[in-house]
Amino acid sequence: MLSALKKYLLVPRLVWLSAGAPKERGVAWDRYWARVKATGAQGEVLWDSGGDHELLGYAGSLKQHLDPGLPVLDIGCGNGTLTRWLARNFPAAVGVDISSHAVERARSESTGITNVSFLTMDMTRPRAGSIVAEAYVASPGTHPPGPQDADRPEVNVFLRGVLHVLDEADQAALARNIKDLVGIRGRVFLAETDFQGNALDYVSHLGATLRSIPAPLESAIRGLPMPGHFGAAERRRAFPDSEWEVLEEGATFIETVPLRDPSTPELIPGYYAALRVKQG
């Protein structure tokens, strides 16, 4: 970690790197994914660690709270690493991402997996939940059928590292759309970075120094919205207790690709929760 003085000497470089990032979120993410050449542990995507250590930490909660007979929707799927992992445990896994380039890569990396499909959609847009449900139900040849009906679709929803890069209005919009999807039987599992520090603390935690910034981190700074953090307080605001029941919540760690030691992913303090819609 950098000393306080040295951290602030990073400011000009961070400002210069982030100056060219598109202001429109969809454009930013699509340009980012269009540039990606490699994924996994040795790849360019900061949050794609290539391993399943973090995911195995969620397995018990997913098994306990999510209905294994329902399909699962992986929101913010990127190149589909988590969607493919989820497909091992659910009858169908559908990855959704705002970037068409991400979805294209996810499809190419998922060749031969029959219960995985992908869809391009901004899940914060009005009626996105209903639109995705209708597309999923109406197109069984494209989207693997699940035990649901068109009048009241029910799916599980999985989010990792999505909410912390949205502003409050978009977090609330996403939560409303998710509510349209889960129904009575569906559940939500979310895992988000909850780093308690400013942007300088964050990048230095991930290995940024005055001499160098790890390439996957630099690529994210250069092209993407600045992340915030998402913990219990932010969850209560986006998923209010008047509408949602918390089944489980706690601290976790979000893994990144290795940034300093080639064999060791970096760990970002995080928050997880399992939720269901309150009935009645």
C-alpha atoms as a PDB file:
ATOM      1  CA  MET A   1       0.000   0.000   0.000  1.00  0.00           C
ATOM      2  CA  LEU A   2       1.192   3.492  -0.796  1.00  0.00           C
ATOM      3  CA  SER A   3       1.750   6.105   1.893  1.00  0.00           C
ATOM      4  CA  ALA A   4      -0.858   8.872   2.053  1.00  0.00           C
ATOM      5  CA  LEU A   5       1.412  11.385   0.294  1.00  0.00           C
ATOM      6  CA  LYS A   6       2.460   9.024  -2.468  1.00  0.00           C
ATOM      7  CA  LYS A   7      -1.150   7.975  -3.058  1.00  0.00           C
ATOM      8  CA  TYR A   8      -2.129  11.558  -3.799  1.00  0.00           C
ATOM      9  CA  LEU A   9       0.719  11.855  -6.280  1.00  0.00           C
ATOM     10  CA  LEU A  10      -1.239   9.297  -8.337  1.00  0.00           C
ATOM     11  CA  VAL A  11      -4.125  11.719  -8.844  1.00  0.00           C
ATOM     12  CA  PRO A  12      -2.895  13.362 -12.070  1.00  0.00           C
ATOM     13  CA  ARG A  13      -2.329  10.001 -13.730  1.00  0.00           C
ATOM     14  CA  LEU A  14      -5.719   8.652 -12.666  1.00  0.00           C
ATOM     15  CA  VAL A  15      -7.435  11.797 -13.923  1.00  0.00           C
ATOM     16  CA  TRP A  16      -5.605  11.513 -17.245  1.00  0.00           C
ATOM     17  CA  LEU A  17      -6.468   7.807 -17.622  1.00  0.00           C
ATOM     18  CA  SER A  18     -10.148   8.273 -16.839  1.00  0.00           C
ATOM     19  CA  ALA A  19     -10.640  11.459 -18.862  1.00  0.00           C
ATOM     20  CA  GLY A  20     -11.440   9.607 -22.063  1.00  0.00           C
ATOM     21  CA  ALA A  21     -13.989   7.200 -20.582  1.00  0.00           C
ATOM     22  CA  PRO A  22     -17.396   7.564 -22.301  1.00  0.00           C
ATOM     23  CA  LYS A  23     -20.020   9.187 -20.114  1.00  0.00           C
ATOM     24  CA  GLU A  24     -22.816   6.954 -21.395  1.00  0.00           C
ATOM     25  CA  ARG A  25     -22.677   3.672 -19.476  1.00  0.00           C
ATOM     26  CA  GLY A  26     -23.680   1.363 -22.301  1.00  0.00           C
ATOM     27  CA  VAL A  27     -21.120   2.863 -24.676  1.00  0.00           C
ATOM     28  CA  ALA A  28     -18.386   2.585 -22.047  1.00  0.00           C
ATOM     29  CA  TRP A  29     -19.007  -1.089 -21.385  1.00  0.00           C
ATOM     30  CA  ASP A  30     -19.336  -1.987 -25.060  1.00  0.00           C
ATOM     31  CA  ARG A  31     -16.058  -0.241 -25.953  1.00  0.00           C
ATOM     32  CA  TYR A  32     -14.356  -1.956 -23.025  1.00  0.00           C
ATOM     33  CA  TRP A  33     -15.447  -5.447 -24.106  1.00  0.00           C
ATOM     34  CA  ALA A  34     -14.644  -4.725 -27.758  1.00  0.00           C
ATOM     35  CA  ARG A  35     -10.986  -4.272 -26.754  1.00  0.00           C
ATOM     36  CA  VAL A  36     -10.703  -7.445 -24.661  1.00  0.00           C
ATOM     37  CA  LYS A  37      -8.456 -10.058 -26.244  1.00  0.00           C
ATOM     38  CA  ALA A  38      -8.106 -12.575 -23.392  1.00  0.00           C
ATOM     39  CA  THR A  39     -10.127 -13.580 -20.338  1.00  0.00           C
ATOM     40  CA  GLY A  40      -9.438 -15.787 -17.329  1.00  0.00           C
ATOM     41  CA  ALA A  41      -6.551 -15.759 -14.844  1.00  0.00           C
ATOM     42  CA  GLN A  42      -4.006 -14.429 -17.342  1.00  0.00           C
ATOM     43  CA  GLY A  43      -6.464 -12.197 -19.142  1.00  0.00           C
ATOM     44  CA  GLU A  44      -7.338  -8.506 -19.229  1.00  0.00           C
ATOM     45  CA  VAL A  45     -10.664  -8.507 -17.371  1.00  0.00           C
ATOM     46  CA  LEU A  46     -10.049  -7.298 -13.824  1.00  0.00           C
ATOM     47  CA  TRP A  47     -12.847  -9.246 -12.122  1.00  0.00           C
ATOM     48  CA  ASP A  48     -12.490 -12.536 -14.076  1.00  0.00           C
ATOM     49  CA  SER A  49     -10.085 -14.405 -11.790  1.00  0.00           C
ATOM     50  CA  GLY A  50     -10.269 -17.606 -13.811  1.00  0.00           C
ATOM     51  CA  GLY A  51     -10.797 -19.718 -10.691  1.00  0.00           C
ATOM     52  CA  ASP A  52     -13.791 -20.855  -8.679  1.00  0.00           C
ATOM     53  CA  HIS A  53     -12.522 -20.211  -5.142  1.00  0.00           C
ATOM     54  CA  GLU A  54     -14.818 -17.222  -4.609  1.00  0.00           C
ATOM     55  CA  LEU A  55     -17.738 -18.984  -6.265  1.00  0.00           C
ATOM     56  CA  LEU A  56     -17.364 -22.067  -4.076  1.00  0.00           C
ATOM     57  CA  GLY A  57     -17.734 -19.732  -1.105  1.00  0.00           C
ATOM     58  CA  TYR A  58     -21.230 -18.887  -2.360  1.00  0.00           C
ATOM     59  CA  ALA A  59     -22.242 -22.479  -3.106  1.00  0.00           C
ATOM     60  CA  GLY A  60     -23.728 -23.217   0.316  1.00  0.00           C
ATOM     61  CA  SER A  61     -25.896 -20.088   0.278  1.00  0.00           C
ATOM     62  CA  LEU A  62     -27.069 -20.729  -3.272  1.00  0.00           C
ATOM     63  CA  LYS A  63     -27.984 -24.314  -2.421  1.00  0.00           C
ATOM     64  CA  GLN A  64     -29.815 -23.251   0.736  1.00  0.00           C
ATOM     65  CA  HIS A  65     -31.805 -20.336  -0.652  1.00  0.00           C
ATOM     66  CA  LEU A  66     -32.256 -20.627  -4.441  1.00  0.00           C
ATOM     67  CA  ASP A  67     -34.818 -23.037  -5.903  1.00  0.00           C
ATOM     68  CA  PRO A  68     -32.825 -25.615  -7.913  1.00  0.00           C
ATOM     69  CA  GLY A  69     -35.826 -26.260 -10.145  1.00  0.00           C
ATOM     70  CA  LEU A  70     -35.901 -22.715 -11.508  1.00  0.00           C
ATOM     71  CA  PRO A  71     -33.612 -21.194 -14.149  1.00  0.00           C
ATOM     72  CA  VAL A  72     -31.132 -18.541 -13.045  1.00  0.00           C
ATOM     73  CA  LEU A  73     -30.533 -15.152 -14.635  1.00  0.00           C
ATOM     74  CA  ASP A  74     -26.939 -13.881 -14.358  1.00  0.00           C
ATOM     75  CA  ILE A  75     -27.184 -10.086 -14.643  1.00  0.00           C
ATOM     76  CA  GLY A  76     -24.000  -8.368 -15.828  1.00  0.00           C
ATOM     77  CA  CYS A  77     -22.668 -11.667 -17.168  1.00  0.00           C
ATOM     78  CA  GLY A  78     -19.682 -10.280 -19.085  1.00  0.00           C
ATOM     79  CA  ASN A  79     -17.948 -13.150 -20.862  1.00  0.00           C
ATOM     80  CA  GLY A  80     -20.168 -15.700 -19.116  1.00  0.00           C
ATOM     81  CA  THR A  81     -17.723 -17.253 -16.647  1.00  0.00           C
ATOM     82  CA  LEU A  82     -20.258 -17.208 -13.817  1.00  0.00           C
ATOM     83  CA  THR A  83     -23.174 -18.109 -16.091  1.00  0.00           C
ATOM     84  CA  ARG A  84     -21.408 -21.317 -17.081  1.00  0.00           C
ATOM     85  CA  TRP A  85     -20.662 -22.109 -13.430  1.00  0.00           C
ATOM     86  CA  LEU A  86     -24.306 -21.535 -12.483  1.00  0.00           C
ATOM     87  CA  ALA A  87     -25.458 -23.807 -15.308  1.00  0.00           C
ATOM     88  CA  ARG A  88     -23.946 -26.747 -13.435  1.00  0.00           C
ATOM     89  CA  ASN A  89     -26.510 -26.329 -10.661  1.00  0.00           C
ATOM     90  CA  PHE A  90     -29.673 -25.052 -12.372  1.00  0.00           C
ATOM     91  CA  PRO A  91     -31.749 -26.369 -15.283  1.00  0.00           C
ATOM     92  CA  ALA A  92     -30.879 -23.300 -17.358  1.00  0.00           C
ATOM     93  CA  ALA A  93     -28.664 -20.248 -16.942  1.00  0.00           C
ATOM     94  CA  VAL A  94     -29.281 -17.060 -18.924  1.00  0.00           C
ATOM     95  CA  GLY A  95     -26.585 -14.385 -18.980  1.00  0.00           C
ATOM     96  CA  VAL A  96     -27.632 -10.790 -19.574  1.00  0.00           C
ATOM     97  CA  ASP A  97     -25.263  -7.890 -20.241  1.00  0.00           C
ATOM     98  CA  ILE A  98     -25.543  -4.303 -21.446  1.00  0.00           C
ATOM     99  CA  SER A  99     -22.664  -4.889 -23.888  1.00  0.00           C
ATOM    100  CA  SER A 100     -23.278  -6.762 -27.139  1.00  0.00           C
ATOM    101  CA  HIS A 101     -19.533  -7.419 -27.380  1.00  0.00           C
ATOM    102  CA  ALA A 102     -19.609  -9.081 -23.958  1.00  0.00           C
ATOM    103  CA  VAL A 103     -22.538 -11.249 -25.011  1.00  0.00           C
ATOM    104  CA  GLU A 104     -20.800 -12.191 -28.254  1.00  0.00           C
ATOM    105  CA  ARG A 105     -17.714 -13.300 -26.314  1.00  0.00           C
ATOM    106  CA  ALA A 106     -19.833 -15.163 -23.750  1.00  0.00           C
ATOM    107  CA  ARG A 107     -21.506 -17.129 -26.518  1.00  0.00           C
ATOM    108  CA  SER A 108     -18.185 -17.999 -28.139  1.00  0.00           C
ATOM    109  CA  GLU A 109     -16.743 -19.171 -24.809  1.00  0.00           C
ATOM    110  CA  SER A 110     -19.833 -21.282 -24.072  1.00  0.00           C
ATOM    111  CA  THR A 111     -19.923 -23.400 -27.221  1.00  0.00           C
ATOM    112  CA  GLY A 112     -21.274 -26.869 -26.527  1.00  0.00           C
ATOM    113  CA  ILE A 113     -22.997 -26.003 -23.227  1.00  0.00           C
ATOM    114  CA  THR A 114     -26.633 -26.672 -24.009  1.00  0.00           C
ATOM    115  CA  ASN A 115     -28.335 -25.089 -20.991  1.00  0.00           C
ATOM    116  CA  VAL A 116     -26.669 -21.668 -21.289  1.00  0.00           C
ATOM    117  CA  SER A 117     -27.880 -18.714 -23.354  1.00  0.00           C
ATOM    118  CA  PHE A 118     -27.131 -14.997 -23.500  1.00  0.00           C
ATOM    119  CA  LEU A 119     -29.052 -11.797 -24.128  1.00  0.00           C
ATOM    120  CA  THR A 120     -28.067  -8.149 -24.592  1.00  0.00           C
ATOM    121  CA  MET A 121     -30.123  -5.880 -22.358  1.00  0.00           C
ATOM    122  CA  ASP A 122     -29.710  -2.860 -20.078  1.00  0.00           C
ATOM    123  CA  MET A 123     -31.466  -4.210 -16.993  1.00  0.00           C
ATOM    124  CA  THR A 124     -32.027  -0.704 -15.603  1.00  0.00           C
ATOM    125  CA  ARG A 125     -34.283   0.367 -18.485  1.00  0.00           C
ATOM    126  CA  PRO A 126     -38.067   0.562 -17.896  1.00  0.00           C
ATOM    127  CA  ARG A 127     -39.809  -2.822 -18.087  1.00  0.00           C
ATOM    128  CA  ALA A 128     -36.530  -4.651 -18.682  1.00  0.00           C
ATOM    129  CA  GLY A 129     -37.584  -7.432 -16.322  1.00  0.00           C
ATOM    130  CA  SER A 130     -40.822  -8.007 -18.204  1.00  0.00           C
ATOM    131  CA  ILE A 131     -39.072  -7.791 -21.580  1.00  0.00           C
ATOM    132  CA  VAL A 132     -36.480 -10.388 -20.577  1.00  0.00           C
ATOM    133  CA  ALA A 133     -39.169 -12.668 -19.147  1.00  0.00           C
ATOM    134  CA  GLU A 134     -41.239 -12.434 -22.325  1.00  0.00           C
ATOM    135  CA  ALA A 135     -38.218 -13.115 -24.548  1.00  0.00           C
ATOM    136  CA  TYR A 136     -37.176 -16.048 -22.401  1.00  0.00           C
ATOM    137  CA  VAL A 137     -40.626 -17.637 -22.370  1.00  0.00           C
ATOM    138  CA  ALA A 138     -41.490 -16.850 -25.999  1.00  0.00           C
ATOM    139  CA  SER A 139     -38.288 -18.200 -27.546  1.00  0.00           C
ATOM    140  CA  PRO A 140     -37.715 -21.727 -26.207  1.00  0.00           C
ATOM    141  CA  GLY A 141     -35.461 -22.535 -29.147  1.00  0.00           C
ATOM    142  CA  THR A 142     -33.090 -19.764 -28.099  1.00  0.00           C
ATOM    143  CA  HIS A 143     -33.569 -19.708 -24.346  1.00  0.00           C
ATOM    144  CA  PRO A 144     -33.740 -23.083 -22.574  1.00  0.00           C
ATOM    145  CA  PRO A 145     -37.251 -23.632 -21.183  1.00  0.00           C
ATOM    146  CA  GLY A 146     -37.761 -23.446 -17.451  1.00  0.00           C
ATOM    147  CA  PRO A 147     -40.639 -24.471 -15.146  1.00  0.00           C
ATOM    148  CA  GLN A 148     -42.518 -21.189 -15.467  1.00  0.00           C
ATOM    149  CA  ASP A 149     -45.489 -19.708 -17.305  1.00  0.00           C
ATOM    150  CA  ALA A 150     -45.802 -16.541 -19.341  1.00  0.00           C
ATOM    151  CA  ASP A 151     -48.300 -14.946 -16.955  1.00  0.00           C
ATOM    152  CA  ARG A 152     -46.003 -15.161 -13.929  1.00  0.00           C
ATOM    153  CA  PRO A 153     -42.415 -16.015 -14.815  1.00  0.00           C
ATOM    154  CA  GLU A 154     -40.236 -17.075 -11.921  1.00  0.00           C
ATOM    155  CA  VAL A 155     -36.451 -17.173 -12.033  1.00  0.00           C
ATOM    156  CA  ASN A 156     -33.567 -16.961  -9.629  1.00  0.00           C
ATOM    157  CA  VAL A 157     -31.343 -13.909 -10.092  1.00  0.00           C
ATOM    158  CA  PHE A 158     -27.584 -13.764  -9.543  1.00  0.00           C
ATOM    159  CA  LEU A 159     -25.589 -10.509  -9.485  1.00  0.00           C
ATOM    160  CA  ARG A 160     -21.893 -10.117  -8.853  1.00  0.00           C
ATOM    161  CA  GLY A 161     -20.147  -6.775  -9.133  1.00  0.00           C
ATOM    162  CA  VAL A 162     -22.997  -4.913 -10.823  1.00  0.00           C
ATOM    163  CA  LEU A 163     -24.674  -2.680  -8.257  1.00  0.00           C
ATOM    164  CA  HIS A 164     -21.482  -0.973  -7.071  1.00  0.00           C
ATOM    165  CA  VAL A 165     -20.919   0.584 -10.512  1.00  0.00           C
ATOM    166  CA  LEU A 166     -24.472   2.018 -10.739  1.00  0.00           C
ATOM    167  CA  ASP A 167     -25.766   5.253  -9.282  1.00  0.00           C
ATOM    168  CA  GLU A 168     -28.632   5.194  -6.789  1.00  0.00           C
ATOM    169  CA  ALA A 169     -31.352   5.727  -9.390  1.00  0.00           C
ATOM    170  CA  ASP A 170     -30.107   2.853 -11.553  1.00  0.00           C
ATOM    171  CA  GLN A 171     -29.702   0.582  -8.522  1.00  0.00           C
ATOM    172  CA  ALA A 172     -33.354   1.186  -7.649  1.00  0.00           C
ATOM    173  CA  ALA A 173     -34.431   0.657 -11.280  1.00  0.00           C
ATOM    174  CA  LEU A 174     -32.540  -2.633 -11.448  1.00  0.00           C
ATOM    175  CA  ALA A 175     -34.127  -3.817  -8.202  1.00  0.00           C
ATOM    176  CA  ARG A 176     -37.617  -3.018  -9.559  1.00  0.00           C
ATOM    177  CA  ASN A 177     -36.943  -5.023 -12.695  1.00  0.00           C
ATOM    178  CA  ILE A 178     -35.590  -7.929 -10.690  1.00  0.00           C
ATOM    179  CA  LYS A 179     -38.792  -7.914  -8.648  1.00  0.00           C
ATOM    180  CA  ASP A 180     -40.725  -8.497 -11.889  1.00  0.00           C
ATOM    181  CA  LEU A 181     -38.673 -11.644 -12.504  1.00  0.00           C
ATOM    182  CA  VAL A 182     -38.419 -13.578  -9.269  1.00  0.00           C
ATOM    183  CA  GLY A 183     -42.100 -14.054  -8.425  1.00  0.00           C
ATOM    184  CA  ILE A 184     -42.920 -16.206  -5.404  1.00  0.00           C
ATOM    185  CA  ARG A 185     -40.366 -19.007  -5.795  1.00  0.00           C
ATOM    186  CA  GLY A 186     -37.446 -17.048  -7.229  1.00  0.00           C
ATOM    187  CA  ARG A 187     -34.651 -15.699  -5.071  1.00  0.00           C
ATOM    188  CA  VAL A 188     -31.875 -13.127  -5.497  1.00  0.00           C
ATOM    189  CA  PHE A 189     -28.227 -13.642  -4.613  1.00  0.00           C
ATOM    190  CA  LEU A 190     -25.920 -10.654  -4.883  1.00  0.00           C
ATOM    191  CA  ALA A 191     -22.233 -10.133  -4.166  1.00  0.00           C
ATOM    192  CA  GLU A 192     -20.652  -6.700  -4.442  1.00  0.00           C
ATOM    193  CA  THR A 193     -17.411  -4.926  -3.631  1.00  0.00           C
ATOM    194  CA  ASP A 194     -17.702  -2.970  -0.391  1.00  0.00           C
ATOM    195  CA  PHE A 195     -14.270  -1.378  -0.128  1.00  0.00           C
ATOM    196  CA  GLN A 196     -14.306   1.279   2.578  1.00  0.00           C
ATOM    197  CA  GLY A 197     -11.989   3.894   1.151  1.00  0.00           C
ATOM    198  CA  ASN A 198     -11.673   6.446  -1.625  1.00  0.00           C
ATOM    199  CA  ALA A 199     -10.617   5.807  -5.214  1.00  0.00           C
ATOM    200  CA  LEU A 200      -6.939   6.283  -4.368  1.00  0.00           C
ATOM    201  CA  ASP A 201      -7.166   3.744  -1.557  1.00  0.00           C
ATOM    202  CA  TYR A 202      -8.931   1.354  -3.915  1.00  0.00           C
ATOM    203  CA  VAL A 203      -6.411   1.436  -6.747  1.00  0.00           C
ATOM    204  CA  SER A 204      -3.441   1.240  -4.370  1.00  0.00           C
ATOM    205  CA  HIS A 205      -5.087  -1.784  -2.707  1.00  0.00           C
ATOM    206  CA  LEU A 206      -5.031  -3.384  -6.152  1.00  0.00           C
ATOM    207  CA  GLY A 207      -1.362  -2.709  -6.758  1.00  0.00           C
ATOM    208  CA  ALA A 208      -1.207   0.756  -8.330  1.00  0.00           C
ATOM    209  CA  THR A 209       2.019   2.601  -7.558  1.00  0.00           C
ATOM    210  CA  LEU A 210       3.733   5.732  -8.812  1.00  0.00           C
ATOM    211  CA  ARG A 211       5.835   3.542 -11.099  1.00  0.00           C
ATOM    212  CA  SER A 212       3.129   1.333 -12.580  1.00  0.00           C
ATOM    213  CA  ILE A 213      -0.521   0.314 -12.619  1.00  0.00           C
ATOM    214  CA  PRO A 214      -1.377  -3.341 -13.374  1.00  0.00           C
ATOM    215  CA  ALA A 215      -2.687  -3.598 -16.925  1.00  0.00           C
ATOM    216  CA  PRO A 216      -6.178  -5.024 -16.091  1.00  0.00           C
ATOM    217  CA  LEU A 217      -6.672  -2.263 -13.526  1.00  0.00           C
ATOM    218  CA  GLU A 218      -5.448   0.432 -15.916  1.00  0.00           C
ATOM    219  CA  SER A 219      -7.810  -0.826 -18.614  1.00  0.00           C
ATOM    220  CA  ALA A 220     -10.771  -0.532 -16.241  1.00  0.00           C
ATOM    221  CA  ILE A 221      -9.760   2.965 -15.096  1.00  0.00           C
ATOM    222  CA  ARG A 222      -9.263   4.086 -18.688  1.00  0.00           C
ATOM    223  CA  GLY A 223     -12.619   2.956 -20.016  1.00  0.00           C
ATOM    224  CA  LEU A 224     -15.210   2.371 -17.307  1.00  0.00           C
ATOM    225  CA  PRO A 225     -17.306   4.293 -14.758  1.00  0.00           C
ATOM    226  CA  MET A 226     -15.600   4.812 -11.408  1.00  0.00           C
ATOM    227  CA  PRO A 227     -16.848   2.147  -8.973  1.00  0.00           C
ATOM    228  CA  GLY A 228     -18.395   2.873  -5.611  1.00  0.00           C
ATOM    229  CA  HIS A 229     -19.154   0.410  -2.855  1.00  0.00           C
ATOM    230  CA  PHE A 230     -22.279  -1.577  -1.990  1.00  0.00           C
ATOM    231  CA  GLY A 231     -23.000  -2.933   1.472  1.00  0.00           C
ATOM    232  CA  ALA A 232     -25.933  -3.455   3.829  1.00  0.00           C
ATOM    233  CA  ALA A 233     -26.920   0.233   3.866  1.00  0.00           C
ATOM    234  CA  GLU A 234     -26.929   0.437   0.066  1.00  0.00           C
ATOM    235  CA  ARG A 235     -28.867  -2.835  -0.126  1.00  0.00           C
ATOM    236  CA  ARG A 236     -31.589  -1.458   2.183  1.00  0.00           C
ATOM    237  CA  ARG A 237     -31.925   1.585  -0.062  1.00  0.00           C
ATOM    238  CA  ALA A 238     -32.123  -0.347  -3.347  1.00  0.00           C
ATOM    239  CA  PHE A 239     -34.015  -3.374  -1.981  1.00  0.00           C
ATOM    240  CA  PRO A 240     -36.099  -1.807   0.829  1.00  0.00           C
ATOM    241  CA  ASP A 241     -37.109  -3.942   3.782  1.00  0.00           C
ATOM    242  CA  SER A 242     -40.749  -3.082   3.098  1.00  0.00           C
ATOM    243  CA  GLU A 243     -40.549  -5.084  -0.161  1.00  0.00           C
ATOM    244  CA  TRP A 244     -37.730  -7.578   0.354  1.00  0.00           C
ATOM    245  CA  GLU A 245     -36.876 -10.165   2.988  1.00  0.00           C
ATOM    246  CA  VAL A 246     -33.220 -10.801   3.744  1.00  0.00           C
ATOM    247  CA  LEU A 247     -32.573 -14.533   4.029  1.00  0.00           C
ATOM    248  CA  GLU A 248     -28.843 -14.192   4.645  1.00  0.00           C
ATOM    249  CA  GLU A 249     -26.203 -11.475   4.429  1.00  0.00           C
ATOM    250  CA  GLY A 250     -22.622 -10.937   5.433  1.00  0.00           C
ATOM    251  CA  ALA A 251     -19.073 -10.107   4.446  1.00  0.00           C
ATOM    252  CA  THR A 252     -17.219 -11.764   1.593  1.00  0.00           C
ATOM    253  CA  PHE A 253     -14.294 -11.114  -0.754  1.00  0.00           C
ATOM    254  CA  ILE A 254     -14.475 -10.432  -4.480  1.00  0.00           C
ATOM    255  CA  GLU A 255     -11.563 -11.943  -6.396  1.00  0.00           C
ATOM    256  CA  THR A 256      -9.761 -10.235  -9.257  1.00  0.00           C
ATOM    257  CA  VAL A 257      -7.186 -11.565 -11.673  1.00  0.00           C
ATOM    258  CA  PRO A 258      -3.678 -11.806 -10.213  1.00  0.00           C
ATOM    259  CA  LEU A 259      -2.162  -8.331 -10.285  1.00  0.00           C
ATOM    260  CA  ARG A 260       1.071  -8.639  -8.297  1.00  0.00           C
ATOM    261  CA  ASP A 261       1.750 -12.347  -7.767  1.00  0.00           C
ATOM    262  CA  PRO A 262       0.966 -14.285 -10.986  1.00  0.00           C
ATOM    263  CA  SER A 263      -0.468 -17.184  -8.974  1.00  0.00           C
ATOM    264  CA  THR A 264      -2.557 -15.242  -6.443  1.00  0.00           C
ATOM    265  CA  PRO A 265      -5.771 -13.316  -7.164  1.00  0.00           C
ATOM    266  CA  GLU A 266      -6.304 -10.016  -5.367  1.00  0.00           C
ATOM    267  CA  LEU A 267      -9.138  -9.858  -2.811  1.00  0.00           C
ATOM    268  CA  ILE A 268     -11.506  -6.893  -2.479  1.00  0.00           C
ATOM    269  CA  PRO A 269     -13.654  -6.667   0.674  1.00  0.00           C
ATOM    270  CA  GLY A 270     -17.257  -7.323  -0.279  1.00  0.00           C
ATOM    271  CA  TYR A 271     -20.825  -7.874   0.825  1.00  0.00           C
ATOM    272  CA  TYR A 272     -23.306 -10.603  -0.087  1.00  0.00           C
ATOM    273  CA  ALA A 273     -27.015 -11.126   0.490  1.00  0.00           C
ATOM    274  CA  ALA A 274     -29.744 -13.610  -0.389  1.00  0.00           C
ATOM    275  CA  LEU A 275     -33.203 -12.036  -0.784  1.00  0.00           C
ATOM    276  CA  ARG A 276     -36.788 -12.854  -1.639  1.00  0.00           C
ATOM    277  CA  VAL A 277     -39.802 -10.698  -2.383  1.00  0.00           C
ATOM    278  CA  LYS A 278     -42.133 -10.218   0.567  1.00  0.00           C
ATOM    279  CA  GLN A 279     -45.585 -11.669  -0.127  1.00  0.00           C
ATOM    280  CA  GLY A 280     -48.929 -10.238   0.907  1.00  0.00           C
END
